[in-house]
Protein backbone atom coordinates (compact mmCIF):
# COMPACT_ATOMS: atom_id res chain seq x y z
CA MET A 1 64.90 168.17 150.72
CA TYR A 2 65.64 165.13 148.58
CA ASN A 3 65.58 162.86 151.66
CA ALA A 4 62.19 164.20 152.76
CA VAL A 5 60.72 163.55 149.30
CA MET A 6 62.09 160.03 149.24
CA SER A 7 60.72 159.32 152.72
CA ASN A 8 57.22 160.42 151.71
CA TYR A 9 57.45 158.34 148.51
CA ILE A 10 58.49 155.22 150.42
CA ARG A 11 55.71 155.74 152.96
CA ASN A 12 53.16 156.00 150.16
CA ILE A 13 54.45 152.85 148.50
CA VAL A 14 54.32 150.94 151.79
CA GLY A 15 50.80 152.24 152.47
CA ILE A 16 49.61 151.15 149.05
CA ALA A 17 51.20 147.73 149.52
CA ILE A 18 49.51 147.33 152.89
CA VAL A 19 46.14 148.26 151.37
CA ILE A 20 46.66 145.75 148.53
CA VAL A 21 47.57 143.01 151.00
CA LEU A 22 44.49 143.76 153.12
CA ILE A 23 42.25 143.66 150.06
CA ALA A 24 43.76 140.34 148.96
CA VAL A 25 43.36 138.84 152.41
CA SER A 26 39.75 140.03 152.62
CA TYR A 27 38.95 138.64 149.20
CA ALA A 28 40.52 135.29 150.06
CA ALA A 29 38.52 135.16 153.29
CA VAL A 30 35.27 135.90 151.46
CA VAL A 31 35.99 133.23 148.85
CA TYR A 32 36.89 130.69 151.53
CA VAL A 33 33.77 131.40 153.57
CA GLY A 34 31.57 131.14 150.48
CA THR A 35 33.18 127.90 149.37
CA TYR A 36 32.95 126.38 152.84
CA SER A 37 29.34 127.49 153.24
CA ARG A 38 28.37 125.90 149.94
CA SER A 39 30.21 122.71 150.86
CA ILE A 40 28.33 122.20 154.10
CA GLU A 41 24.97 123.74 153.13
CA PRO A 42 24.39 123.26 149.42
CA GLY A 43 21.64 125.49 148.06
CA SER A 44 18.51 123.96 146.59
CA TYR A 45 19.71 125.10 143.12
CA ARG A 46 22.68 122.75 143.49
CA SER A 47 20.79 119.68 144.64
CA PHE A 48 17.94 117.43 143.59
CA SER A 49 15.86 114.75 145.31
CA VAL A 50 14.55 111.34 144.29
CA SER A 51 12.21 108.89 145.99
CA GLY A 52 11.95 105.14 146.04
CA GLU A 53 9.66 102.50 147.44
CA GLY A 54 10.55 99.00 148.54
CA LYS A 55 8.03 96.24 149.11
CA VAL A 56 8.27 92.79 150.63
CA VAL A 57 5.36 90.35 150.46
CA VAL A 58 5.16 88.13 153.53
CA VAL A 59 2.91 85.49 155.01
CA PRO A 60 1.94 86.31 158.62
CA ASP A 61 3.58 84.09 161.20
CA VAL A 62 1.39 84.81 164.21
CA ALA A 63 -2.36 84.91 164.84
CA SER A 64 -4.20 86.43 167.80
CA PHE A 65 -7.69 86.33 169.23
CA THR A 66 -9.37 86.99 172.56
CA PHE A 67 -12.18 85.26 174.36
CA SER A 68 -14.30 86.58 177.22
CA LEU A 69 -16.15 84.96 180.11
CA ILE A 70 -19.13 87.12 181.14
CA THR A 71 -20.81 86.03 184.37
CA PRO A 72 -23.90 87.94 185.59
CA GLY A 73 -25.46 87.18 188.99
CA GLY A 74 -26.65 88.44 192.32
CA LYS A 75 -24.90 90.23 195.15
CA ASP A 76 -22.76 87.28 196.22
CA LEU A 77 -19.46 88.34 194.66
CA GLY A 78 -17.57 85.39 196.06
CA LYS A 79 -19.88 82.95 194.30
CA LEU A 80 -19.72 84.92 191.03
CA GLN A 81 -15.93 85.10 191.12
CA GLN A 82 -15.65 81.39 191.72
CA GLU A 83 -18.00 80.62 188.83
CA ASN A 84 -16.18 83.00 186.49
CA THR A 85 -12.75 81.67 187.48
CA GLU A 86 -13.81 78.06 186.92
CA ARG A 87 -15.06 78.85 183.43
CA VAL A 88 -11.95 80.87 182.57
CA ASN A 89 -9.70 78.05 183.78
CA ARG A 90 -11.70 75.54 181.75
CA ALA A 91 -11.39 77.57 178.54
CA SER A 92 -7.72 78.42 179.13
CA GLY A 93 -6.99 74.81 179.97
CA PHE A 94 -8.47 73.73 176.66
CA VAL A 95 -6.23 76.18 174.78
CA LYS A 96 -3.12 74.94 176.56
CA SER A 97 -4.11 71.32 175.97
CA GLU A 98 -3.93 72.09 172.23
CA GLY A 99 -0.22 72.81 172.59
CA ILE A 100 -0.33 76.59 172.90
CA ASP A 101 2.56 77.83 175.07
CA VAL A 102 1.62 79.15 178.52
CA LYS A 103 3.33 82.48 177.80
CA ASP A 104 1.00 83.00 174.83
CA VAL A 105 -2.15 82.77 176.96
CA LYS A 106 -2.62 85.76 179.23
CA ALA A 107 -5.36 87.77 180.92
CA GLU A 108 -6.16 91.06 179.17
CA ASN A 109 -8.96 92.51 181.28
CA TYR A 110 -10.92 91.79 184.45
CA SER A 111 -13.89 93.88 185.50
CA ILE A 112 -16.71 93.82 188.06
CA GLU A 113 -19.70 95.94 187.07
CA PRO A 114 -22.67 96.57 189.41
CA ARG A 115 -26.23 96.14 188.09
CA TYR A 116 -28.76 98.66 189.37
CA GLN A 117 -32.50 98.77 189.87
CA TYR A 118 -33.93 102.25 189.22
CA PHE A 119 -37.22 103.56 190.64
CA ASN A 120 -39.93 105.45 188.80
CA CYS A 121 -40.40 108.75 190.65
CA ASN A 122 -42.46 110.76 188.15
CA PRO A 123 -44.78 113.44 189.64
CA VAL A 124 -48.41 112.48 190.34
CA ILE A 125 -50.83 114.24 187.94
CA LEU A 126 -53.98 115.59 189.71
CA ARG A 127 -57.45 115.75 188.12
CA GLU A 128 -57.56 119.54 188.30
CA GLY A 129 -54.56 119.74 185.99
CA GLY A 130 -52.04 120.45 188.66
CA SER A 131 -49.42 118.04 189.93
CA GLU A 132 -47.72 117.10 193.11
CA ASN A 133 -44.42 115.44 193.74
CA ALA A 134 -44.32 111.80 194.70
CA ARG A 135 -42.61 110.83 197.91
CA PRO A 136 -38.79 111.23 197.89
CA CYS A 137 -37.24 109.01 195.25
CA PRO A 138 -34.82 106.41 196.65
CA PRO A 139 -31.37 106.15 195.03
CA PRO A 140 -30.67 103.32 192.56
CA GLU A 141 -30.16 100.02 194.32
CA ILE A 142 -27.48 97.48 193.47
CA VAL A 143 -29.20 94.18 192.76
CA GLY A 144 -26.22 92.22 191.47
CA TYR A 145 -22.92 92.22 189.62
CA THR A 146 -21.51 91.13 186.30
CA ILE A 147 -17.94 89.84 186.14
CA THR A 148 -16.06 89.85 182.85
CA LYS A 149 -12.63 88.41 182.24
CA THR A 150 -10.92 88.56 178.85
CA VAL A 151 -8.02 86.33 177.83
CA SER A 152 -5.77 86.82 174.79
CA VAL A 153 -4.30 83.92 172.85
CA LYS A 154 -1.35 84.10 170.47
CA VAL A 155 -1.00 81.24 167.99
CA ARG A 156 2.37 80.64 166.33
CA GLU A 157 2.73 79.65 162.69
CA LYS A 158 3.38 75.99 163.52
CA ASP A 159 -0.06 75.78 165.14
CA PHE A 160 -2.07 77.60 162.46
CA SER A 161 -3.84 74.36 161.58
CA LYS A 162 -5.35 74.35 165.10
CA ILE A 163 -6.93 77.82 164.89
CA GLY A 164 -10.35 76.56 163.85
CA ASN A 165 -10.50 74.06 166.70
CA LEU A 166 -9.31 76.68 169.18
CA LEU A 167 -12.04 79.14 168.21
CA SER A 168 -14.79 76.56 168.49
CA GLY A 169 -13.28 74.87 171.52
CA VAL A 170 -13.14 77.92 173.80
CA VAL A 171 -16.84 78.54 173.16
CA SER A 172 -17.67 74.93 173.98
CA ALA A 173 -15.56 75.32 177.13
CA GLY A 174 -17.72 78.22 178.33
CA ALA A 175 -16.57 81.44 176.61
CA ASN A 176 -19.44 83.84 175.88
CA SER A 177 -17.64 85.90 173.26
CA VAL A 178 -14.70 85.43 170.93
CA SER A 179 -13.22 88.47 169.18
CA GLN A 180 -12.21 88.72 165.55
CA LEU A 181 -9.15 86.75 164.60
CA SER A 182 -6.14 88.78 163.41
CA PHE A 183 -2.93 87.86 161.60
CA ALA A 184 0.37 89.75 161.76
CA VAL A 185 4.14 89.46 161.45
CA ASP A 186 5.61 88.90 164.89
CA ASP A 187 8.97 90.63 164.24
CA PRO A 188 8.93 92.77 161.07
CA THR A 189 12.38 94.37 161.64
CA LYS A 190 14.30 92.15 159.21
CA LEU A 191 11.59 92.49 156.57
CA GLU A 192 11.52 96.28 156.98
CA ASN A 193 15.30 96.36 156.45
CA GLU A 194 14.89 94.34 153.26
CA ALA A 195 12.17 96.68 152.00
CA ARG A 196 14.31 99.72 152.91
CA GLY A 197 17.26 98.34 150.93
CA LYS A 198 15.02 97.91 147.88
CA ALA A 199 13.69 101.46 148.26
CA ILE A 200 17.20 102.97 148.43
CA ALA A 201 18.39 100.95 145.42
CA GLN A 202 15.38 102.14 143.41
CA ALA A 203 16.01 105.78 144.41
CA GLN A 204 19.73 105.53 143.50
CA GLU A 205 18.91 104.12 140.06
CA LYS A 206 16.37 106.90 139.52
CA ALA A 207 18.98 109.52 140.48
CA GLU A 208 21.40 108.21 137.85
CA ASP A 209 18.68 108.25 135.19
CA ILE A 210 17.69 111.84 136.04
CA ALA A 211 21.31 113.03 136.01
CA LYS A 212 21.93 111.39 132.62
CA ALA A 213 18.82 112.98 131.15
CA GLY A 214 19.69 116.37 132.68
CA GLY A 215 23.30 116.37 131.54
CA PHE A 216 24.93 116.52 134.95
CA SER A 217 26.59 114.13 137.38
CA VAL A 218 25.29 112.84 140.67
CA GLY A 219 27.29 114.32 143.53
CA ARG A 220 27.52 113.28 147.14
CA LEU A 221 24.48 112.16 149.09
CA ILE A 222 23.32 115.08 151.23
CA SER A 223 20.43 113.54 153.16
CA ILE A 224 18.15 110.55 153.34
CA GLN A 225 14.66 110.54 154.80
CA GLU A 226 12.24 107.74 155.44
CA GLY A 227 8.54 108.28 155.71
CA GLY A 228 5.15 107.67 154.24
CA GLY A 229 5.72 103.94 154.16
CA TYR A 230 3.01 101.43 154.92
CA TYR A 231 3.45 99.17 157.90
CA PRO A 232 0.71 96.53 157.77
CA GLN A 233 -1.93 96.39 160.44
CA PRO A 234 -3.21 93.02 161.61
CA MET A 235 -5.51 91.38 159.07
CA TYR A 236 -8.86 90.31 160.40
CA ARG A 237 -11.02 87.35 159.54
CA ALA A 238 -14.74 87.48 160.22
CA LEU A 239 -15.70 85.43 163.24
CA GLU A 240 -19.13 84.93 164.77
CA ALA A 241 -18.76 83.07 168.03
CA LYS A 242 -21.07 84.78 170.50
CA VAL A 243 -23.35 82.63 172.59
CA GLY A 244 -25.59 83.11 175.61
CA PHE A 245 -24.34 83.65 179.11
CA GLY A 246 -24.72 80.01 179.86
CA GLY A 247 -22.44 78.90 177.05
CA GLY A 248 -23.53 76.58 174.32
CA ASN A 249 -22.45 74.37 171.48
CA ALA A 250 -20.10 76.01 169.02
CA ALA A 251 -20.43 75.73 165.27
CA PRO A 252 -18.11 73.35 163.38
CA ALA A 253 -14.50 74.52 163.40
CA PRO A 254 -13.86 76.99 160.55
CA ILE A 255 -10.96 76.65 158.14
CA VAL A 256 -8.74 79.73 158.48
CA GLU A 257 -6.08 80.90 155.99
CA PRO A 258 -3.58 83.63 156.97
CA GLY A 259 -3.20 85.12 153.47
CA SER A 260 -0.32 87.55 152.81
CA GLN A 261 0.72 91.10 153.70
CA ASP A 262 2.83 93.82 152.07
CA ILE A 263 5.52 95.60 154.07
CA LYS A 264 6.42 98.88 152.33
CA VAL A 265 9.07 101.49 153.05
CA ASN A 266 9.44 104.84 151.24
CA VAL A 267 12.68 106.86 151.17
CA THR A 268 13.73 110.24 149.77
CA LEU A 269 17.39 110.85 148.83
CA VAL A 270 18.86 114.32 148.25
CA TYR A 271 22.00 114.52 146.08
CA GLU A 272 24.36 117.34 145.21
CA ILE A 273 24.57 118.27 141.53
CA GLU A 274 28.01 118.14 139.95
């Protein structure tokens, strides 16, 4: 009898111990999972974000413009193409003679557009108020063609002083139209990196100030995002250099200044609160 009682007592003790161990293991697992989850995915209540903007002021180092040779004529395409090609070569040759590299002078567009003659085929109005159709209307007839070739020119910083002469010179050489002149930065990568560094430094300083004012410490950096920055578009200078189809004398060469541009980068940093 005594042995049976003791056996039941021991079994109960072992059962209770097993239950306690299972509860402890489960609790430890829950705590671990919660801690790990917070460490890899901090909640918004444990983080804060700051933004910064970096700006670099630069002077453009490349200018671009295009000129077009528009040649209208009759049905003899061979003759029109020869005339257009001669005028293009003359204008391009002038640009190259000013020291512009061959690789910076290239054709942008070449088109041949037909010119049509249309016939008036309105109905004939009779005296009695009625009407009758005219004879069958012939289809539009091609009476000639217009050939247009557009050439782009890139001017490097060392040749900026020649821009005025280039604009006037291509018109004198036969160009019918010269587009607006634009200025840009040829390779902004290094400047963007500089602006980005300034933006991050500003955001980091702001984070420290916010943490000091809020009575907490800045924890680890959780994420960094870049966006909303301003990447400058080419700046344009007004240019009136359109002449008749037969060419003409250009106005005196204008004085052109490239001015300056701002390269801006915005960043947002998210930090953990400690």
